[in-house]
Amino acid sequence: MTPGVSNVWVIPAGSQSAASARNVVCEFAQLTLPPSLTVSATLRPVVGRRDPLLHHMVERIADTLGRTDLVGKLLRDSLADSLRLHILDSYGERSSTPRRAGRVLDQAAQGRLVDFLRDGLDDEIDLPTMAELTEMKVDAFRRAFIRTFGTTPYQYVLDLRIEKSKTLLTTTDQSMTEISIAAGFSSPSHFATTFKQRVGVTPTVYRNGL
């Protein structure tokens, strides 16, 4: 799968992982939490989950790295602590407070699903097909998807469509109609309306560099 902006991979301590990139440049930030900071929770594996809040906090921390004044140091420490708590709250399984039993998608299922969605954005994607990929019933899949990715299948797919359209707008000369089809929108008007709602500007303005 191809990583996108604000995508998060969580690799618990002791787990093995591997990644490779071909013909593409991938930039990422690696965060490591020492065991002393995660005593209240065990992190669960996550593949490619969008987390704009975590992304924003990492960027803000990076903005403070060159500051040596007291306010900058306090801000950096506060952001780092908030980041740690966000990670534990969003990706940890707390041992002290038992959670209601509920299935989540394992790492292999997440990978299959995300690859399928990214490769098939120009086609109609429905919930039964997604559920079939994970060998789950539709209702159980919907609940597991929300627990795993923190959003509904519809919203997740819509985010992928917007992400793909952004890439096409900035890297190709395709028309708005061609981009709307490639990203899986029902019509150019649907694409334009949804894009502006999500991004804040029209596709044309975005392409022209705001």
Protein backbone atom coordinates (compact mmCIF):
# COMPACT_ATOMS: atom_id res chain seq x y z
CA MET A 1 0.00 0.00 0.00
CA THR A 2 1.07 3.59 -0.57
CA PRO A 3 1.20 5.74 2.58
CA GLY A 4 -0.66 9.04 2.64
CA VAL A 5 -0.46 12.22 4.65
CA SER A 6 -1.36 11.66 8.34
CA ASN A 7 -1.35 7.85 7.97
CA VAL A 8 -0.17 6.08 11.13
CA TRP A 9 1.47 2.70 11.60
CA VAL A 10 1.71 1.37 15.16
CA ILE A 11 4.28 -1.36 15.81
CA PRO A 12 4.09 -2.70 19.38
CA ALA A 13 7.29 -3.58 21.20
CA GLY A 14 8.57 -7.01 20.22
CA SER A 15 6.72 -7.05 16.90
CA GLN A 16 8.48 -7.54 13.60
CA SER A 17 7.81 -5.24 10.66
CA ALA A 18 9.19 -4.47 7.22
CA ALA A 19 8.51 -1.92 4.51
CA SER A 20 9.85 -1.09 1.07
CA ALA A 21 9.33 1.75 -1.40
CA ARG A 22 9.88 1.52 -5.14
CA ASN A 23 10.07 4.50 -7.49
CA VAL A 24 8.65 6.81 -4.87
CA VAL A 25 10.03 9.00 -2.10
CA CYS A 26 8.39 8.49 1.30
CA GLU A 27 8.93 10.89 4.17
CA PHE A 28 7.87 9.87 7.66
CA ALA A 29 8.36 10.64 11.31
CA GLN A 30 9.22 7.79 13.68
CA LEU A 31 8.02 8.08 17.26
CA THR A 32 9.34 5.71 19.93
CA LEU A 33 7.69 5.42 23.34
CA PRO A 34 9.90 3.85 26.04
CA PRO A 35 8.23 1.18 28.23
CA SER A 36 8.25 3.56 31.20
CA LEU A 37 5.72 5.77 29.40
CA THR A 38 3.33 2.98 28.41
CA VAL A 39 2.97 1.08 31.67
CA SER A 40 -0.80 1.62 31.70
CA ALA A 41 -1.46 0.33 28.20
CA THR A 42 -0.31 -2.13 25.56
CA LEU A 43 -0.25 -0.66 22.07
CA ARG A 44 -2.12 -2.62 19.42
CA PRO A 45 -0.86 -2.93 15.82
CA VAL A 46 -2.39 -0.50 13.32
CA VAL A 47 -1.77 -0.16 9.58
CA GLY A 48 -2.35 3.06 7.68
CA ARG A 49 -4.95 4.67 9.92
CA ARG A 50 -5.51 8.38 9.25
CA ASP A 51 -4.84 10.52 12.30
CA PRO A 52 -4.80 14.24 11.39
CA LEU A 53 -4.57 15.25 15.06
CA LEU A 54 -1.40 13.24 15.66
CA HIS A 55 0.06 14.60 12.42
CA HIS A 56 -0.67 18.17 13.50
CA MET A 57 0.89 17.67 16.93
CA VAL A 58 4.07 16.21 15.40
CA GLU A 59 4.32 19.21 13.08
CA ARG A 60 3.88 21.62 15.99
CA ILE A 61 6.59 19.83 17.98
CA ALA A 62 8.90 20.07 14.97
CA ASP A 63 8.21 23.80 14.78
CA THR A 64 9.52 24.25 18.34
CA LEU A 65 12.75 22.24 17.97
CA GLY A 66 14.89 25.25 17.17
CA ARG A 67 13.59 27.35 20.04
CA THR A 68 15.64 27.73 23.22
CA ASP A 69 13.40 30.17 25.07
CA LEU A 70 11.39 29.08 28.11
CA VAL A 71 8.01 29.36 26.38
CA GLY A 72 9.24 27.24 23.49
CA LYS A 73 10.52 24.55 25.85
CA LEU A 74 7.29 24.50 27.86
CA LEU A 75 5.24 24.32 24.67
CA ARG A 76 7.37 21.46 23.36
CA ASP A 77 7.08 19.49 26.61
CA SER A 78 3.33 20.07 26.75
CA LEU A 79 2.85 18.95 23.16
CA ALA A 80 5.00 15.87 23.73
CA ASP A 81 2.93 14.87 26.75
CA SER A 82 -0.32 15.47 24.86
CA LEU A 83 1.02 13.39 21.99
CA ARG A 84 1.88 10.51 24.32
CA LEU A 85 -1.58 10.58 25.90
CA HIS A 86 -3.25 10.72 22.50
CA ILE A 87 -1.31 7.67 21.32
CA LEU A 88 -2.15 5.69 24.45
CA ASP A 89 -5.82 6.72 24.30
CA SER A 90 -6.24 6.03 20.57
CA TYR A 91 -4.04 2.96 20.11
CA GLY A 92 -3.63 1.42 23.55
CA GLU A 93 -5.47 -1.45 25.19
CA ARG A 94 -5.66 -0.54 28.84
CA SER A 95 -5.13 -3.35 31.31
CA SER A 96 -6.41 -1.42 34.33
CA THR A 97 -9.83 -0.72 32.82
CA PRO A 98 -11.27 -3.69 30.95
CA ARG A 99 -12.79 -2.70 27.63
CA ARG A 100 -15.99 -4.06 26.20
CA ALA A 101 -15.19 -7.03 24.02
CA GLY A 102 -15.20 -6.10 20.38
CA ARG A 103 -13.43 -7.39 17.34
CA VAL A 104 -10.92 -5.27 15.45
CA LEU A 105 -9.38 -6.00 12.06
CA ASP A 106 -6.02 -7.70 12.32
CA GLN A 107 -2.97 -6.32 10.53
CA ALA A 108 -3.29 -8.63 7.53
CA ALA A 109 -6.97 -7.75 7.04
CA GLN A 110 -6.18 -4.05 7.33
CA GLY A 111 -3.50 -4.34 4.67
CA ARG A 112 -5.76 -6.26 2.26
CA LEU A 113 -8.59 -3.82 2.77
CA VAL A 114 -6.53 -0.65 2.33
CA ASP A 115 -4.84 -2.02 -0.80
CA PHE A 116 -8.24 -2.95 -2.24
CA LEU A 117 -9.69 0.48 -1.53
CA ARG A 118 -6.74 2.41 -2.96
CA ASP A 119 -6.62 0.26 -6.10
CA GLY A 120 -10.37 0.42 -6.68
CA LEU A 121 -11.25 4.06 -6.08
CA ASP A 122 -12.35 4.50 -9.69
CA ASP A 123 -14.96 1.77 -9.21
CA GLU A 124 -18.04 1.60 -7.03
CA ILE A 125 -17.08 0.37 -3.56
CA ASP A 126 -19.81 -1.08 -1.39
CA LEU A 127 -19.91 -2.32 2.18
CA PRO A 128 -20.75 -5.98 1.37
CA THR A 129 -17.67 -6.26 -0.85
CA MET A 130 -15.46 -4.77 1.84
CA ALA A 131 -16.92 -7.12 4.44
CA GLU A 132 -16.37 -10.11 2.17
CA LEU A 133 -12.65 -9.29 1.99
CA THR A 134 -12.42 -9.78 5.74
CA GLU A 135 -14.78 -12.78 5.80
CA MET A 136 -17.17 -10.96 8.13
CA LYS A 137 -20.86 -10.15 8.07
CA VAL A 138 -21.66 -6.57 7.11
CA ASP A 139 -22.77 -5.36 10.55
CA ALA A 140 -19.84 -6.97 12.35
CA PHE A 141 -17.45 -5.59 9.74
CA ARG A 142 -18.79 -2.06 10.11
CA ARG A 143 -18.27 -2.15 13.88
CA ALA A 144 -14.79 -3.67 13.55
CA PHE A 145 -13.84 -1.10 10.92
CA ILE A 146 -14.81 1.81 13.16
CA ARG A 147 -12.88 0.33 16.09
CA THR A 148 -9.82 -0.16 13.90
CA PHE A 149 -9.71 3.04 11.84
CA GLY A 150 -11.61 5.42 14.10
CA THR A 151 -14.07 6.39 11.37
CA THR A 152 -16.82 4.86 9.24
CA PRO A 153 -16.07 2.97 6.02
CA TYR A 154 -17.86 5.70 4.03
CA GLN A 155 -15.80 8.52 5.54
CA TYR A 156 -12.56 6.55 5.13
CA VAL A 157 -13.22 5.89 1.44
CA LEU A 158 -14.18 9.54 0.94
CA ASP A 159 -10.88 10.60 2.52
CA LEU A 160 -9.03 8.32 0.09
CA ARG A 161 -10.93 9.83 -2.85
CA ILE A 162 -9.99 13.33 -1.76
CA GLU A 163 -6.37 12.27 -1.26
CA LYS A 164 -6.21 10.77 -4.75
CA SER A 165 -7.85 13.81 -6.35
CA LYS A 166 -5.31 16.09 -4.65
CA THR A 167 -2.48 14.03 -6.12
CA LEU A 168 -3.99 14.12 -9.61
CA LEU A 169 -4.64 17.85 -9.40
CA THR A 170 -1.02 18.60 -8.58
CA THR A 171 0.81 15.99 -10.65
CA THR A 172 -1.24 15.68 -13.87
CA ASP A 173 -2.97 17.83 -16.49
CA GLN A 174 -6.13 15.75 -16.40
CA SER A 175 -9.43 17.58 -16.67
CA MET A 176 -11.81 17.90 -13.74
CA THR A 177 -14.06 15.32 -15.36
CA GLU A 178 -11.20 12.85 -15.74
CA ILE A 179 -10.09 13.38 -12.15
CA SER A 180 -13.61 12.99 -10.79
CA ILE A 181 -13.89 9.65 -12.60
CA ALA A 182 -10.44 8.44 -11.51
CA ALA A 183 -11.15 9.32 -7.88
CA GLY A 184 -14.56 7.64 -7.94
CA PHE A 185 -16.93 10.60 -7.70
CA SER A 186 -20.33 10.26 -9.34
CA SER A 187 -19.98 13.47 -11.37
CA PRO A 188 -17.73 16.53 -11.73
CA SER A 189 -20.22 18.60 -9.73
CA HIS A 190 -20.24 16.03 -6.92
CA PHE A 191 -16.44 16.08 -6.97
CA ALA A 192 -16.26 19.88 -6.84
CA THR A 193 -18.82 20.18 -4.05
CA THR A 194 -17.29 17.44 -1.89
CA PHE A 195 -13.74 18.69 -2.46
CA LYS A 196 -14.61 22.21 -1.35
CA GLN A 197 -16.44 20.89 1.73
CA ARG A 198 -13.42 18.81 2.73
CA VAL A 199 -10.50 20.99 1.67
CA GLY A 200 -11.99 24.46 1.92
CA VAL A 201 -11.30 25.53 -1.67
CA THR A 202 -12.44 24.38 -5.11
CA PRO A 203 -10.36 21.88 -7.09
CA THR A 204 -9.40 24.63 -9.54
CA VAL A 205 -8.10 26.91 -6.79
CA TYR A 206 -6.23 24.00 -5.21
CA ARG A 207 -4.59 23.13 -8.54
CA ASN A 208 -3.53 26.73 -9.08
CA GLY A 209 -1.74 26.74 -5.74
CA LEU A 210 -4.37 28.64 -3.76
